[in-house]
Amino acid sequence: MIDKSNILIHEFMGLEVEVSKSTCRNLIGKKGRVVDETKNTIEIEKDGVTRTVPKRASTFRFRLPSGGSVEVEGRLIEYRPEDRPKRLMRHVRKVG
């Protein structure tokens, strides 16, 4: 189950997300569903429009399936999706 203590190691595809902070002012407040992720970007889709958001320049607010939300700095998740769990697992164990 995805929660605040282990969000960093989970798959983001399908989660609702909002850009809460960004060095690109036009991205702040953009929200939608995560449809793709690379090492450096997250693609957000809403109403048929897909936006590519750079991870390093942004802070994301993910809506959890349980109903809560959590903010994640993009620099903390700047890994390929398939590598992120391996690289961050030791940090999650310390927190959780």
PDB file of N, CA and C in Angstrom:
ATOM      1  N   MET A   1       0.836  -1.191   0.000  1.00  0.00           N
ATOM      2  CA  MET A   1       0.000   0.000   0.000  1.00  0.00           C
ATOM      3  C   MET A   1       0.881   1.254   0.000  1.00  0.00           C
ATOM      4  N   ILE A   2       0.522   2.198  -0.802  1.00  0.00           N
ATOM      5  CA  ILE A   2       1.284   3.443  -0.897  1.00  0.00           C
ATOM      6  C   ILE A   2       0.889   4.359   0.257  1.00  0.00           C
ATOM      7  N   ASP A   3       1.903   4.857   0.984  1.00  0.00           N
ATOM      8  CA  ASP A   3       1.651   5.855   2.021  1.00  0.00           C
ATOM      9  C   ASP A   3       2.809   6.850   2.047  1.00  0.00           C
ATOM     10  N   LYS A   4       2.764   7.793   2.970  1.00  0.00           N
ATOM     11  CA  LYS A   4       3.770   8.853   3.009  1.00  0.00           C
ATOM     12  C   LYS A   4       5.174   8.326   3.249  1.00  0.00           C
ATOM     13  N   SER A   5       5.291   7.224   3.972  1.00  0.00           N
ATOM     14  CA  SER A   5       6.620   6.721   4.317  1.00  0.00           C
ATOM     15  C   SER A   5       7.289   5.962   3.178  1.00  0.00           C
ATOM     16  N   ASN A   6       6.519   5.498   2.186  1.00  0.00           N
ATOM     17  CA  ASN A   6       7.136   4.695   1.119  1.00  0.00           C
ATOM     18  C   ASN A   6       6.805   5.178  -0.299  1.00  0.00           C
ATOM     19  N   ILE A   7       6.283   6.374  -0.431  1.00  0.00           N
ATOM     20  CA  ILE A   7       5.896   6.885  -1.755  1.00  0.00           C
ATOM     21  C   ILE A   7       7.084   6.934  -2.720  1.00  0.00           C
ATOM     22  N   LEU A   8       8.278   7.190  -2.213  1.00  0.00           N
ATOM     23  CA  LEU A   8       9.442   7.351  -3.088  1.00  0.00           C
ATOM     24  C   LEU A   8       9.796   6.094  -3.865  1.00  0.00           C
ATOM     25  N   ILE A   9       9.465   4.921  -3.335  1.00  0.00           N
ATOM     26  CA  ILE A   9       9.849   3.679  -4.018  1.00  0.00           C
ATOM     27  C   ILE A   9       8.724   3.095  -4.868  1.00  0.00           C
ATOM     28  N   HIS A  10       7.552   3.711  -4.837  1.00  0.00           N
ATOM     29  CA  HIS A  10       6.411   3.169  -5.577  1.00  0.00           C
ATOM     30  C   HIS A  10       6.308   3.719  -6.992  1.00  0.00           C
ATOM     31  N   GLU A  11       5.529   3.041  -7.780  1.00  0.00           N
ATOM     32  CA  GLU A  11       5.200   3.447  -9.148  1.00  0.00           C
ATOM     33  C   GLU A  11       4.256   4.648  -9.083  1.00  0.00           C
ATOM     34  N   PHE A  12       4.523   5.676  -9.875  1.00  0.00           N
ATOM     35  CA  PHE A  12       3.680   6.871  -9.900  1.00  0.00           C
ATOM     36  C   PHE A  12       2.595   6.812 -10.965  1.00  0.00           C
ATOM     37  N   MET A  13       2.736   5.917 -11.938  1.00  0.00           N
ATOM     38  CA  MET A  13       1.770   5.821 -13.032  1.00  0.00           C
ATOM     39  C   MET A  13       0.351   5.655 -12.482  1.00  0.00           C
ATOM     40  N   GLY A  14      -0.551   6.493 -12.959  1.00  0.00           N
ATOM     41  CA  GLY A  14      -1.944   6.407 -12.557  1.00  0.00           C
ATOM     42  C   GLY A  14      -2.305   7.262 -11.359  1.00  0.00           C
ATOM     43  N   LEU A  15      -1.316   7.765 -10.623  1.00  0.00           N
ATOM     44  CA  LEU A  15      -1.612   8.609  -9.468  1.00  0.00           C
ATOM     45  C   LEU A  15      -1.987  10.017  -9.916  1.00  0.00           C
ATOM     46  N   GLU A  16      -2.867  10.646  -9.159  1.00  0.00           N
ATOM     47  CA  GLU A  16      -3.198  12.049  -9.396  1.00  0.00           C
ATOM     48  C   GLU A  16      -2.072  12.897  -8.810  1.00  0.00           C
ATOM     49  N   VAL A  17      -1.670  13.935  -9.535  1.00  0.00           N
ATOM     50  CA  VAL A  17      -0.542  14.758  -9.109  1.00  0.00           C
ATOM     51  C   VAL A  17      -0.801  16.215  -9.452  1.00  0.00           C
ATOM     52  N   GLU A  18      -0.213  17.098  -8.654  1.00  0.00           N
ATOM     53  CA  GLU A  18      -0.262  18.536  -8.917  1.00  0.00           C
ATOM     54  C   GLU A  18       1.149  19.084  -8.746  1.00  0.00           C
ATOM     55  N   VAL A  19       1.535  20.009  -9.588  1.00  0.00           N
ATOM     56  CA  VAL A  19       2.825  20.681  -9.447  1.00  0.00           C
ATOM     57  C   VAL A  19       2.619  21.812  -8.442  1.00  0.00           C
ATOM     58  N   SER A  20       3.171  21.650  -7.233  1.00  0.00           N
ATOM     59  CA  SER A  20       2.947  22.649  -6.188  1.00  0.00           C
ATOM     60  C   SER A  20       3.987  23.767  -6.215  1.00  0.00           C
ATOM     61  N   LYS A  21       5.209  23.453  -6.663  1.00  0.00           N
ATOM     62  CA  LYS A  21       6.263  24.462  -6.801  1.00  0.00           C
ATOM     63  C   LYS A  21       7.067  24.127  -8.047  1.00  0.00           C
ATOM     64  N   SER A  22       7.586  25.160  -8.690  1.00  0.00           N
ATOM     65  CA  SER A  22       8.423  24.933  -9.865  1.00  0.00           C
ATOM     66  C   SER A  22       9.175  26.203 -10.215  1.00  0.00           C
ATOM     67  N   THR A  23      10.360  26.036 -10.778  1.00  0.00           N
ATOM     68  CA  THR A  23      11.081  27.201 -11.282  1.00  0.00           C
ATOM     69  C   THR A  23      10.432  27.697 -12.571  1.00  0.00           C
ATOM     70  N   CYS A  24       9.633  26.855 -13.217  1.00  0.00           N
ATOM     71  CA  CYS A  24       8.849  27.240 -14.399  1.00  0.00           C
ATOM     72  C   CYS A  24       7.470  27.674 -13.907  1.00  0.00           C
ATOM     73  N   ARG A  25       7.249  28.953 -13.791  1.00  0.00           N
ATOM     74  CA  ARG A  25       6.009  29.465 -13.192  1.00  0.00           C
ATOM     75  C   ARG A  25       4.741  28.982 -13.888  1.00  0.00           C
ATOM     76  N   ASN A  26       4.812  28.747 -15.185  1.00  0.00           N
ATOM     77  CA  ASN A  26       3.611  28.322 -15.906  1.00  0.00           C
ATOM     78  C   ASN A  26       3.220  26.882 -15.576  1.00  0.00           C
ATOM     79  N   LEU A  27       4.067  26.129 -14.883  1.00  0.00           N
ATOM     80  CA  LEU A  27       3.728  24.753 -14.502  1.00  0.00           C
ATOM     81  C   LEU A  27       3.063  24.669 -13.132  1.00  0.00           C
ATOM     82  N   ILE A  28       3.227  25.690 -12.298  1.00  0.00           N
ATOM     83  CA  ILE A  28       2.658  25.670 -10.953  1.00  0.00           C
ATOM     84  C   ILE A  28       1.137  25.577 -11.047  1.00  0.00           C
ATOM     85  N   GLY A  29       0.583  24.628 -10.301  1.00  0.00           N
ATOM     86  CA  GLY A  29      -0.865  24.429 -10.296  1.00  0.00           C
ATOM     87  C   GLY A  29      -1.366  23.439 -11.334  1.00  0.00           C
ATOM     88  N   LYS A  30      -0.516  23.028 -12.248  1.00  0.00           N
ATOM     89  CA  LYS A  30      -0.930  22.032 -13.250  1.00  0.00           C
ATOM     90  C   LYS A  30      -1.164  20.707 -12.547  1.00  0.00           C
ATOM     91  N   LYS A  31      -2.261  20.062 -12.882  1.00  0.00           N
ATOM     92  CA  LYS A  31      -2.573  18.781 -12.255  1.00  0.00           C
ATOM     93  C   LYS A  31      -3.182  17.828 -13.242  1.00  0.00           C
ATOM     94  N   GLY A  32      -3.171  16.565 -12.871  1.00  0.00           N
ATOM     95  CA  GLY A  32      -3.712  15.526 -13.725  1.00  0.00           C
ATOM     96  C   GLY A  32      -3.236  14.169 -13.252  1.00  0.00           C
ATOM     97  N   ARG A  33      -3.231  13.219 -14.168  1.00  0.00           N
ATOM     98  CA  ARG A  33      -2.842  11.844 -13.861  1.00  0.00           C
ATOM     99  C   ARG A  33      -1.482  11.576 -14.487  1.00  0.00           C
ATOM    100  N   VAL A  34      -0.605  10.900 -13.731  1.00  0.00           N
ATOM    101  CA  VAL A  34       0.716  10.551 -14.259  1.00  0.00           C
ATOM    102  C   VAL A  34       0.538   9.462 -15.312  1.00  0.00           C
ATOM    103  N   VAL A  35       0.993   9.740 -16.547  1.00  0.00           N
ATOM    104  CA  VAL A  35       0.863   8.765 -17.633  1.00  0.00           C
ATOM    105  C   VAL A  35       2.204   8.216 -18.100  1.00  0.00           C
ATOM    106  N   ASP A  36       3.297   8.891 -17.737  1.00  0.00           N
ATOM    107  CA  ASP A  36       4.622   8.381 -18.098  1.00  0.00           C
ATOM    108  C   ASP A  36       5.648   9.040 -17.197  1.00  0.00           C
ATOM    109  N   GLU A  37       6.792   8.361 -17.054  1.00  0.00           N
ATOM    110  CA  GLU A  37       7.866   8.882 -16.227  1.00  0.00           C
ATOM    111  C   GLU A  37       9.203   8.443 -16.813  1.00  0.00           C
ATOM    112  N   THR A  38      10.156   9.366 -16.821  1.00  0.00           N
ATOM    113  CA  THR A  38      11.529   9.050 -17.202  1.00  0.00           C
ATOM    114  C   THR A  38      12.424   9.466 -16.039  1.00  0.00           C
ATOM    115  N   LYS A  39      13.717   9.351 -16.227  1.00  0.00           N
ATOM    116  CA  LYS A  39      14.643   9.752 -15.172  1.00  0.00           C
ATOM    117  C   LYS A  39      14.461  11.226 -14.815  1.00  0.00           C
ATOM    118  N   ASN A  40      14.239  12.058 -15.797  1.00  0.00           N
ATOM    119  CA  ASN A  40      14.219  13.504 -15.580  1.00  0.00           C
ATOM    120  C   ASN A  40      12.854  14.167 -15.650  1.00  0.00           C
ATOM    121  N   THR A  41      11.824  13.449 -16.108  1.00  0.00           N
ATOM    122  CA  THR A  41      10.515  14.083 -16.298  1.00  0.00           C
ATOM    123  C   THR A  41       9.362  13.202 -15.826  1.00  0.00           C
ATOM    124  N   ILE A  42       8.242  13.868 -15.583  1.00  0.00           N
ATOM    125  CA  ILE A  42       6.962  13.200 -15.339  1.00  0.00           C
ATOM    126  C   ILE A  42       5.979  13.779 -16.347  1.00  0.00           C
ATOM    127  N   GLU A  43       5.222  12.922 -17.014  1.00  0.00           N
ATOM    128  CA  GLU A  43       4.198  13.388 -17.946  1.00  0.00           C
ATOM    129  C   GLU A  43       2.844  13.312 -17.258  1.00  0.00           C
ATOM    130  N   ILE A  44       2.136  14.440 -17.286  1.00  0.00           N
ATOM    131  CA  ILE A  44       0.838  14.572 -16.631  1.00  0.00           C
ATOM    132  C   ILE A  44      -0.218  14.790 -17.705  1.00  0.00           C
ATOM    133  N   GLU A  45      -1.310  14.020 -17.638  1.00  0.00           N
ATOM    134  CA  GLU A  45      -2.388  14.127 -18.629  1.00  0.00           C
ATOM    135  C   GLU A  45      -3.662  14.583 -17.940  1.00  0.00           C
ATOM    136  N   LYS A  46      -4.312  15.568 -18.567  1.00  0.00           N
ATOM    137  CA  LYS A  46      -5.625  16.015 -18.105  1.00  0.00           C
ATOM    138  C   LYS A  46      -6.406  16.495 -19.315  1.00  0.00           C
ATOM    139  N   ASP A  47      -7.618  16.001 -19.458  1.00  0.00           N
ATOM    140  CA  ASP A  47      -8.510  16.384 -20.558  1.00  0.00           C
ATOM    141  C   ASP A  47      -7.861  16.191 -21.925  1.00  0.00           C
ATOM    142  N   GLY A  48      -7.114  15.110 -22.073  1.00  0.00           N
ATOM    143  CA  GLY A  48      -6.494  14.793 -23.351  1.00  0.00           C
ATOM    144  C   GLY A  48      -5.221  15.556 -23.667  1.00  0.00           C
ATOM    145  N   VAL A  49      -4.813  16.453 -22.779  1.00  0.00           N
ATOM    146  CA  VAL A  49      -3.587  17.232 -22.981  1.00  0.00           C
ATOM    147  C   VAL A  49      -2.504  16.679 -22.056  1.00  0.00           C
ATOM    148  N   THR A  50      -1.342  16.374 -22.636  1.00  0.00           N
ATOM    149  CA  THR A  50      -0.229  15.842 -21.855  1.00  0.00           C
ATOM    150  C   THR A  50       0.850  16.903 -21.718  1.00  0.00           C
ATOM    151  N   ARG A  51       1.304  17.118 -20.484  1.00  0.00           N
ATOM    152  CA  ARG A  51       2.376  18.080 -20.216  1.00  0.00           C
ATOM    153  C   ARG A  51       3.577  17.332 -19.651  1.00  0.00           C
ATOM    154  N   THR A  52       4.747  17.693 -20.090  1.00  0.00           N
ATOM    155  CA  THR A  52       5.984  17.115 -19.579  1.00  0.00           C
ATOM    156  C   THR A  52       6.569  18.084 -18.557  1.00  0.00           C
ATOM    157  N   VAL A  53       6.782  17.586 -17.334  1.00  0.00           N
ATOM    158  CA  VAL A  53       7.263  18.420 -16.236  1.00  0.00           C
ATOM    159  C   VAL A  53       8.636  17.921 -15.795  1.00  0.00           C
ATOM    160  N   PRO A  54       9.638  18.799 -15.755  1.00  0.00           N
ATOM    161  CA  PRO A  54      10.961  18.378 -15.286  1.00  0.00           C
ATOM    162  C   PRO A  54      10.938  18.113 -13.781  1.00  0.00           C
ATOM    163  N   LYS A  55      11.507  16.989 -13.373  1.00  0.00           N
ATOM    164  CA  LYS A  55      11.513  16.629 -11.956  1.00  0.00           C
ATOM    165  C   LYS A  55      12.351  17.602 -11.133  1.00  0.00           C
ATOM    166  N   ARG A  56      13.570  17.850 -11.578  1.00  0.00           N
ATOM    167  CA  ARG A  56      14.516  18.648 -10.789  1.00  0.00           C
ATOM    168  C   ARG A  56      13.973  20.047 -10.480  1.00  0.00           C
ATOM    169  N   ALA A  57      13.225  20.619 -11.368  1.00  0.00           N
ATOM    170  CA  ALA A  57      12.748  21.996 -11.217  1.00  0.00           C
ATOM    171  C   ALA A  57      11.426  22.098 -10.468  1.00  0.00           C
ATOM    172  N   SER A  58      10.872  20.963  -9.996  1.00  0.00           N
ATOM    173  CA  SER A  58       9.510  20.976  -9.470  1.00  0.00           C
ATOM    174  C   SER A  58       9.365  20.228  -8.152  1.00  0.00           C
ATOM    175  N   THR A  59       8.307  20.582  -7.436  1.00  0.00           N
ATOM    176  CA  THR A  59       7.846  19.830  -6.272  1.00  0.00           C
ATOM    177  C   THR A  59       6.438  19.364  -6.603  1.00  0.00           C
ATOM    178  N   PHE A  60       6.166  18.091  -6.329  1.00  0.00           N
ATOM    179  CA  PHE A  60       4.899  17.478  -6.712  1.00  0.00           C
ATOM    180  C   PHE A  60       4.072  17.124  -5.481  1.00  0.00           C
ATOM    181  N   ARG A  61       2.759  17.306  -5.589  1.00  0.00           N
ATOM    182  CA  ARG A  61       1.835  16.851  -4.551  1.00  0.00           C
ATOM    183  C   ARG A  61       1.058  15.670  -5.129  1.00  0.00           C
ATOM    184  N   PHE A  62       1.387  14.470  -4.631  1.00  0.00           N
ATOM    185  CA  PHE A  62       0.726  13.254  -5.090  1.00  0.00           C
ATOM    186  C   PHE A  62      -0.466  12.959  -4.193  1.00  0.00           C
ATOM    187  N   ARG A  63      -1.593  12.598  -4.817  1.00  0.00           N
ATOM    188  CA  ARG A  63      -2.779  12.177  -4.083  1.00  0.00           C
ATOM    189  C   ARG A  63      -2.694  10.672  -3.905  1.00  0.00           C
ATOM    190  N   LEU A  64      -2.734  10.224  -2.662  1.00  0.00           N
ATOM    191  CA  LEU A  64      -2.603   8.806  -2.356  1.00  0.00           C
ATOM    192  C   LEU A  64      -3.934   8.095  -2.533  1.00  0.00           C
ATOM    193  N   PRO A  65      -3.901   6.804  -2.868  1.00  0.00           N
ATOM    194  CA  PRO A  65      -5.147   6.045  -3.015  1.00  0.00           C
ATOM    195  C   PRO A  65      -5.986   6.032  -1.733  1.00  0.00           C
ATOM    196  N   SER A  66      -5.332   6.192  -0.582  1.00  0.00           N
ATOM    197  CA  SER A  66      -6.044   6.198   0.697  1.00  0.00           C
ATOM    198  C   SER A  66      -6.783   7.507   0.943  1.00  0.00           C
ATOM    199  N   GLY A  67      -6.533   8.511   0.097  1.00  0.00           N
ATOM    200  CA  GLY A  67      -7.236   9.778   0.221  1.00  0.00           C
ATOM    201  C   GLY A  67      -6.365  10.930   0.679  1.00  0.00           C
ATOM    202  N   GLY A  68      -5.224  10.657   1.273  1.00  0.00           N
ATOM    203  CA  GLY A  68      -4.321  11.713   1.705  1.00  0.00           C
ATOM    204  C   GLY A  68      -3.481  12.218   0.550  1.00  0.00           C
ATOM    205  N   SER A  69      -2.550  13.091   0.874  1.00  0.00           N
ATOM    206  CA  SER A  69      -1.623  13.571  -0.147  1.00  0.00           C
ATOM    207  C   SER A  69      -0.247  13.755   0.476  1.00  0.00           C
ATOM    208  N   VAL A  70       0.760  13.787  -0.369  1.00  0.00           N
ATOM    209  CA  VAL A  70       2.138  13.962   0.093  1.00  0.00           C
ATOM    210  C   VAL A  70       2.902  14.782  -0.939  1.00  0.00           C
ATOM    211  N   GLU A  71       3.748  15.703  -0.449  1.00  0.00           N
ATOM    212  CA  GLU A  71       4.587  16.499  -1.343  1.00  0.00           C
ATOM    213  C   GLU A  71       5.950  15.847  -1.458  1.00  0.00           C
ATOM    214  N   VAL A  72       6.453  15.791  -2.686  1.00  0.00           N
ATOM    215  CA  VAL A  72       7.747  15.175  -2.967  1.00  0.00           C
ATOM    216  C   VAL A  72       8.562  16.138  -3.829  1.00  0.00           C
ATOM    217  N   GLU A  73       9.776  16.439  -3.382  1.00  0.00           N
ATOM    218  CA  GLU A  73      10.673  17.255  -4.190  1.00  0.00           C
ATOM    219  C   GLU A  73      11.171  16.423  -5.364  1.00  0.00           C
ATOM    220  N   GLY A  74      11.122  16.992  -6.535  1.00  0.00           N
ATOM    221  CA  GLY A  74      11.510  16.271  -7.739  1.00  0.00           C
ATOM    222  C   GLY A  74      12.931  15.750  -7.718  1.00  0.00           C
ATOM    223  N   ARG A  75      13.838  16.467  -7.080  1.00  0.00           N
ATOM    224  CA  ARG A  75      15.234  16.024  -7.038  1.00  0.00           C
ATOM    225  C   ARG A  75      15.386  14.708  -6.288  1.00  0.00           C
ATOM    226  N   LEU A  76      14.453  14.398  -5.383  1.00  0.00           N
ATOM    227  CA  LEU A  76      14.512  13.143  -4.625  1.00  0.00           C
ATOM    228  C   LEU A  76      14.105  11.938  -5.461  1.00  0.00           C
ATOM    229  N   ILE A  77      13.374  12.165  -6.537  1.00  0.00           N
ATOM    230  CA  ILE A  77      12.892  11.057  -7.370  1.00  0.00           C
ATOM    231  C   ILE A  77      13.531  11.075  -8.752  1.00  0.00           C
ATOM    232  N   GLU A  78      14.644  11.768  -8.856  1.00  0.00           N
ATOM    233  CA  GLU A  78      15.309  11.907 -10.153  1.00  0.00           C
ATOM    234  C   GLU A  78      16.132  10.655 -10.491  1.00  0.00           C
ATOM    235  N   TYR A  79      15.430   9.558 -10.633  1.00  0.00           N
ATOM    236  CA  TYR A  79      15.991   8.266 -11.036  1.00  0.00           C
ATOM    237  C   TYR A  79      15.069   7.681 -12.093  1.00  0.00           C
ATOM    238  N   ARG A  80      15.580   6.722 -12.849  1.00  0.00           N
ATOM    239  CA  ARG A  80      14.696   5.982 -13.742  1.00  0.00           C
ATOM    240  C   ARG A  80      13.698   5.238 -12.857  1.00  0.00           C
ATOM    241  N   PRO A  81      12.438   5.138 -13.274  1.00  0.00           N
ATOM    242  CA  PRO A  81      11.421   4.501 -12.431  1.00  0.00           C
ATOM    243  C   PRO A  81      11.812   3.097 -11.983  1.00  0.00           C
ATOM    244  N   GLU A  82      12.466   2.337 -12.858  1.00  0.00           N
ATOM    245  CA  GLU A  82      12.829   0.967 -12.502  1.00  0.00           C
ATOM    246  C   GLU A  82      14.022   0.907 -11.548  1.00  0.00           C
ATOM    247  N   ASP A  83      14.814   1.980 -11.452  1.00  0.00           N
ATOM    248  CA  ASP A  83      15.968   2.010 -10.548  1.00  0.00           C
ATOM    249  C   ASP A  83      15.650   2.630  -9.191  1.00  0.00           C
ATOM    250  N   ARG A  84      14.622   3.451  -9.122  1.00  0.00           N
ATOM    251  CA  ARG A  84      14.304   4.188  -7.900  1.00  0.00           C
ATOM    252  C   ARG A  84      14.122   3.297  -6.678  1.00  0.00           C
ATOM    253  N   PRO A  85      13.368   2.191  -6.743  1.00  0.00           N
ATOM    254  CA  PRO A  85      13.208   1.356  -5.536  1.00  0.00           C
ATOM    255  C   PRO A  85      14.538   0.828  -5.002  1.00  0.00           C
ATOM    256  N   LYS A  86      15.415   0.384  -5.877  1.00  0.00           N
ATOM    257  CA  LYS A  86      16.707  -0.159  -5.436  1.00  0.00           C
ATOM    258  C   LYS A  86      17.559   0.916  -4.774  1.00  0.00           C
ATOM    259  N   ARG A  87      17.575   2.091  -5.341  1.00  0.00           N
ATOM    260  CA  ARG A  87      18.437   3.157  -4.838  1.00  0.00           C
ATOM    261  C   ARG A  87      17.900   3.817  -3.568  1.00  0.00           C
ATOM    262  N   LEU A  88      16.585   3.844  -3.408  1.00  0.00           N
ATOM    263  CA  LEU A  88      16.002   4.560  -2.274  1.00  0.00           C
ATOM    264  C   LEU A  88      15.542   3.659  -1.133  1.00  0.00           C
ATOM    265  N   MET A  89      15.587   2.361  -1.295  1.00  0.00           N
ATOM    266  CA  MET A  89      15.067   1.451  -0.278  1.00  0.00           C
ATOM    267  C   MET A  89      15.726   1.674   1.078  1.00  0.00           C
ATOM    268  N   ARG A  90      17.014   1.919   1.122  1.00  0.00           N
ATOM    269  CA  ARG A  90      17.695   2.115   2.407  1.00  0.00           C
ATOM    270  C   ARG A  90      17.182   3.356   3.129  1.00  0.00           C
ATOM    271  N   HIS A  91      16.808   4.406   2.390  1.00  0.00           N
ATOM    272  CA  HIS A  91      16.270   5.615   3.008  1.00  0.00           C
ATOM    273  C   HIS A  91      14.873   5.372   3.566  1.00  0.00           C
ATOM    274  N   VAL A  92      14.077   4.585   2.860  1.00  0.00           N
ATOM    275  CA  VAL A  92      12.713   4.282   3.306  1.00  0.00           C
ATOM    276  C   VAL A  92      12.757   3.469   4.591  1.00  0.00           C
ATOM    277  N   ARG A  93      13.679   2.538   4.692  1.00  0.00           N
ATOM    278  CA  ARG A  93      13.802   1.719   5.906  1.00  0.00           C
ATOM    279  C   ARG A  93      14.131   2.576   7.115  1.00  0.00           C
ATOM    280  N   LYS A  94      14.963   3.612   6.947  1.00  0.00           N
ATOM    281  CA  LYS A  94      15.321   4.496   8.050  1.00  0.00           C
ATOM    282  C   LYS A  94      14.122   5.317   8.513  1.00  0.00           C
ATOM    283  N   VAL A  95      13.317   5.783   7.557  1.00  0.00           N
ATOM    284  CA  VAL A  95      12.155   6.616   7.867  1.00  0.00           C
ATOM    285  C   VAL A  95      11.028   5.785   8.445  1.00  0.00           C
ATOM    286  N   GLY A  96      10.701   4.662   7.802  1.00  0.00           N
ATOM    287  CA  GLY A  96       9.559   3.832   8.170  1.00  0.00           C
ATOM    288  C   GLY A  96       9.827   2.974   9.282  1.00  0.00           C
TER     289      GLY A  96
END
